Amino acid sequence: MNLEPLRQKLLAAARVNPPSDRVPYAFEKRILARLAQSPPLDLSALWARALWRAAAPCVGLALLLGAWSFVGGQNNSGPAGLTDSDDFASHFEQTMLAAVEEPVEEN
């Protein structure tokens, strides 16, 4: 497609129809009234803005907790005072079967 003849035709058509100097009735009032209106509330934009602002603290908190769990795992005692030398399986079995092994009181 040759664009130069099309450009010439468009320029010729624009020269034949010059723009009018006449302004529509109450044009200024309509524009000022539209400017005075508040823009519509966009809930999706509000959610997106809030979630993006919350992303950085969440990443920081995840890094902080990851570092804390890594450093906290360096000492070899667990929550029940177990060390690596204790047999975890035997302690687990005793805990799970504690209710089964208790004698039942009869009246």
C-alpha atoms as a PDB file:
ATOM      1  CA  MET A   1       0.000   0.000   0.000  1.00  0.00           C
ATOM      2  CA  ASN A   2       1.377   3.375  -1.022  1.00  0.00           C
ATOM      3  CA  LEU A   3       0.963   5.774   1.890  1.00  0.00           C
ATOM      4  CA  GLU A   4       1.937   9.020   0.174  1.00  0.00           C
ATOM      5  CA  PRO A   5      -1.192   9.293  -2.071  1.00  0.00           C
ATOM      6  CA  LEU A   6      -3.369   8.475   0.932  1.00  0.00           C
ATOM      7  CA  ARG A   7      -1.649  11.197   2.940  1.00  0.00           C
ATOM      8  CA  GLN A   8      -2.191  13.721   0.121  1.00  0.00           C
ATOM      9  CA  LYS A   9      -5.910  12.849  -0.083  1.00  0.00           C
ATOM     10  CA  LEU A  10      -6.350  13.250   3.678  1.00  0.00           C
ATOM     11  CA  LEU A  11      -4.607  16.629   3.659  1.00  0.00           C
ATOM     12  CA  ALA A  12      -6.770  17.800   0.738  1.00  0.00           C
ATOM     13  CA  ALA A  13      -9.946  16.709   2.539  1.00  0.00           C
ATOM     14  CA  ALA A  14      -8.844  18.551   5.687  1.00  0.00           C
ATOM     15  CA  ARG A  15      -8.192  21.758   3.702  1.00  0.00           C
ATOM     16  CA  VAL A  16     -11.660  21.644   2.120  1.00  0.00           C
ATOM     17  CA  ASN A  17     -13.385  21.392   5.552  1.00  0.00           C
ATOM     18  CA  PRO A  18     -11.751  23.941   7.891  1.00  0.00           C
ATOM     19  CA  PRO A  19     -12.612  23.689  11.593  1.00  0.00           C
ATOM     20  CA  SER A  20     -15.421  25.864  12.927  1.00  0.00           C
ATOM     21  CA  ASP A  21     -14.850  28.701  15.397  1.00  0.00           C
ATOM     22  CA  ARG A  22     -18.270  28.129  16.964  1.00  0.00           C
ATOM     23  CA  VAL A  23     -18.361  26.549  20.435  1.00  0.00           C
ATOM     24  CA  PRO A  24     -21.355  24.343  21.381  1.00  0.00           C
ATOM     25  CA  TYR A  25     -23.949  25.756  23.802  1.00  0.00           C
ATOM     26  CA  ALA A  26     -22.919  25.550  27.500  1.00  0.00           C
ATOM     27  CA  PHE A  27     -19.678  23.781  26.620  1.00  0.00           C
ATOM     28  CA  GLU A  28     -17.740  25.415  29.472  1.00  0.00           C
ATOM     29  CA  LYS A  29     -20.401  24.502  32.038  1.00  0.00           C
ATOM     30  CA  ARG A  30     -20.422  20.857  30.945  1.00  0.00           C
ATOM     31  CA  ILE A  31     -16.640  20.627  31.137  1.00  0.00           C
ATOM     32  CA  LEU A  32     -16.466  22.309  34.558  1.00  0.00           C
ATOM     33  CA  ALA A  33     -19.265  20.095  35.897  1.00  0.00           C
ATOM     34  CA  ARG A  34     -17.434  16.994  34.713  1.00  0.00           C
ATOM     35  CA  LEU A  35     -14.187  18.192  36.324  1.00  0.00           C
ATOM     36  CA  ALA A  36     -15.983  18.811  39.626  1.00  0.00           C
ATOM     37  CA  GLN A  37     -17.257  15.214  39.762  1.00  0.00           C
ATOM     38  CA  SER A  38     -15.141  12.798  41.720  1.00  0.00           C
ATOM     39  CA  PRO A  39     -13.732   9.867  39.758  1.00  0.00           C
ATOM     40  CA  PRO A  40     -15.493   6.524  40.307  1.00  0.00           C
ATOM     41  CA  LEU A  41     -14.047   4.332  43.043  1.00  0.00           C
ATOM     42  CA  ASP A  42     -12.021   1.489  41.579  1.00  0.00           C
ATOM     43  CA  LEU A  43     -11.949  -1.301  44.157  1.00  0.00           C
ATOM     44  CA  SER A  44      -9.622  -3.516  42.161  1.00  0.00           C
ATOM     45  CA  ALA A  45      -7.026  -0.737  42.024  1.00  0.00           C
ATOM     46  CA  LEU A  46      -7.307  -0.252  45.787  1.00  0.00           C
ATOM     47  CA  TRP A  47      -6.796  -3.985  46.403  1.00  0.00           C
ATOM     48  CA  ALA A  48      -3.869  -4.133  43.996  1.00  0.00           C
ATOM     49  CA  ARG A  49      -2.193  -1.155  45.663  1.00  0.00           C
ATOM     50  CA  ALA A  50      -2.686  -2.627  49.144  1.00  0.00           C
ATOM     51  CA  LEU A  51      -1.381  -6.053  48.126  1.00  0.00           C
ATOM     52  CA  TRP A  52       1.724  -4.598  46.481  1.00  0.00           C
ATOM     53  CA  ARG A  53       2.430  -2.549  49.599  1.00  0.00           C
ATOM     54  CA  ALA A  54       2.021  -5.667  51.757  1.00  0.00           C
ATOM     55  CA  ALA A  55       4.343  -7.779  49.596  1.00  0.00           C
ATOM     56  CA  ALA A  56       7.596  -6.235  50.866  1.00  0.00           C
ATOM     57  CA  PRO A  57       6.844  -6.707  54.601  1.00  0.00           C
ATOM     58  CA  CYS A  58       5.736 -10.296  53.918  1.00  0.00           C
ATOM     59  CA  VAL A  59       8.992 -11.087  52.136  1.00  0.00           C
ATOM     60  CA  GLY A  60      10.964  -9.452  54.938  1.00  0.00           C
ATOM     61  CA  LEU A  61       9.067 -11.411  57.579  1.00  0.00           C
ATOM     62  CA  ALA A  62       9.597 -14.679  55.685  1.00  0.00           C
ATOM     63  CA  LEU A  63      13.345 -14.020  55.451  1.00  0.00           C
ATOM     64  CA  LEU A  64      13.533 -13.096  59.124  1.00  0.00           C
ATOM     65  CA  LEU A  65      11.673 -16.224  60.242  1.00  0.00           C
ATOM     66  CA  GLY A  66      13.737 -18.405  57.911  1.00  0.00           C
ATOM     67  CA  ALA A  67      16.968 -17.035  59.348  1.00  0.00           C
ATOM     68  CA  TRP A  68      15.625 -17.472  62.878  1.00  0.00           C
ATOM     69  CA  SER A  69      14.689 -21.108  62.270  1.00  0.00           C
ATOM     70  CA  PHE A  70      18.077 -21.776  60.673  1.00  0.00           C
ATOM     71  CA  VAL A  71      20.004 -20.229  63.559  1.00  0.00           C
ATOM     72  CA  GLY A  72      17.642 -21.756  66.148  1.00  0.00           C
ATOM     73  CA  GLY A  73      18.262 -25.229  64.726  1.00  0.00           C
ATOM     74  CA  GLN A  74      22.004 -24.952  65.371  1.00  0.00           C
ATOM     75  CA  ASN A  75      21.691 -25.732  69.061  1.00  0.00           C
ATOM     76  CA  ASN A  76      20.864 -29.415  69.282  1.00  0.00           C
ATOM     77  CA  SER A  77      18.051 -29.435  71.808  1.00  0.00           C
ATOM     78  CA  GLY A  78      14.459 -29.726  70.733  1.00  0.00           C
ATOM     79  CA  PRO A  79      11.251 -28.524  72.372  1.00  0.00           C
ATOM     80  CA  ALA A  80      11.113 -31.431  74.872  1.00  0.00           C
ATOM     81  CA  GLY A  81      14.771 -31.138  75.860  1.00  0.00           C
ATOM     82  CA  LEU A  82      15.777 -33.930  73.498  1.00  0.00           C
ATOM     83  CA  THR A  83      19.251 -33.934  72.101  1.00  0.00           C
ATOM     84  CA  ASP A  84      20.485 -35.709  68.997  1.00  0.00           C
ATOM     85  CA  SER A  85      21.786 -38.580  71.139  1.00  0.00           C
ATOM     86  CA  ASP A  86      18.297 -39.341  72.561  1.00  0.00           C
ATOM     87  CA  ASP A  87      16.174 -41.856  70.736  1.00  0.00           C
ATOM     88  CA  PHE A  88      13.378 -39.824  69.190  1.00  0.00           C
ATOM     89  CA  ALA A  89      11.379 -42.894  68.147  1.00  0.00           C
ATOM     90  CA  SER A  90      11.126 -44.212  71.703  1.00  0.00           C
ATOM     91  CA  HIS A  91      10.018 -40.819  73.044  1.00  0.00           C
ATOM     92  CA  PHE A  92       7.437 -40.529  70.284  1.00  0.00           C
ATOM     93  CA  GLU A  93       6.073 -43.998  71.009  1.00  0.00           C
ATOM     94  CA  GLN A  94       5.825 -43.274  74.727  1.00  0.00           C
ATOM     95  CA  THR A  95       3.920 -40.067  74.029  1.00  0.00           C
ATOM     96  CA  MET A  96       1.479 -41.672  71.605  1.00  0.00           C
ATOM     97  CA  LEU A  97       0.767 -44.684  73.829  1.00  0.00           C
ATOM     98  CA  ALA A  98       0.625 -42.794  77.140  1.00  0.00           C
ATOM     99  CA  ALA A  99      -3.169 -42.777  77.249  1.00  0.00           C
ATOM    100  CA  VAL A 100      -3.402 -46.473  76.340  1.00  0.00           C
ATOM    101  CA  GLU A 101      -1.045 -47.660  79.069  1.00  0.00           C
ATOM    102  CA  GLU A 102      -2.757 -45.822  81.937  1.00  0.00           C
ATOM    103  CA  PRO A 103      -4.710 -48.161  84.242  1.00  0.00           C
ATOM    104  CA  VAL A 104      -8.446 -47.638  84.378  1.00  0.00           C
ATOM    105  CA  GLU A 105      -9.852 -46.950  87.845  1.00  0.00           C
ATOM    106  CA  GLU A 106     -12.888 -48.966  88.790  1.00  0.00           C
ATOM    107  CA  ASN A 107     -15.339 -47.830  91.442  1.00  0.00           C
END
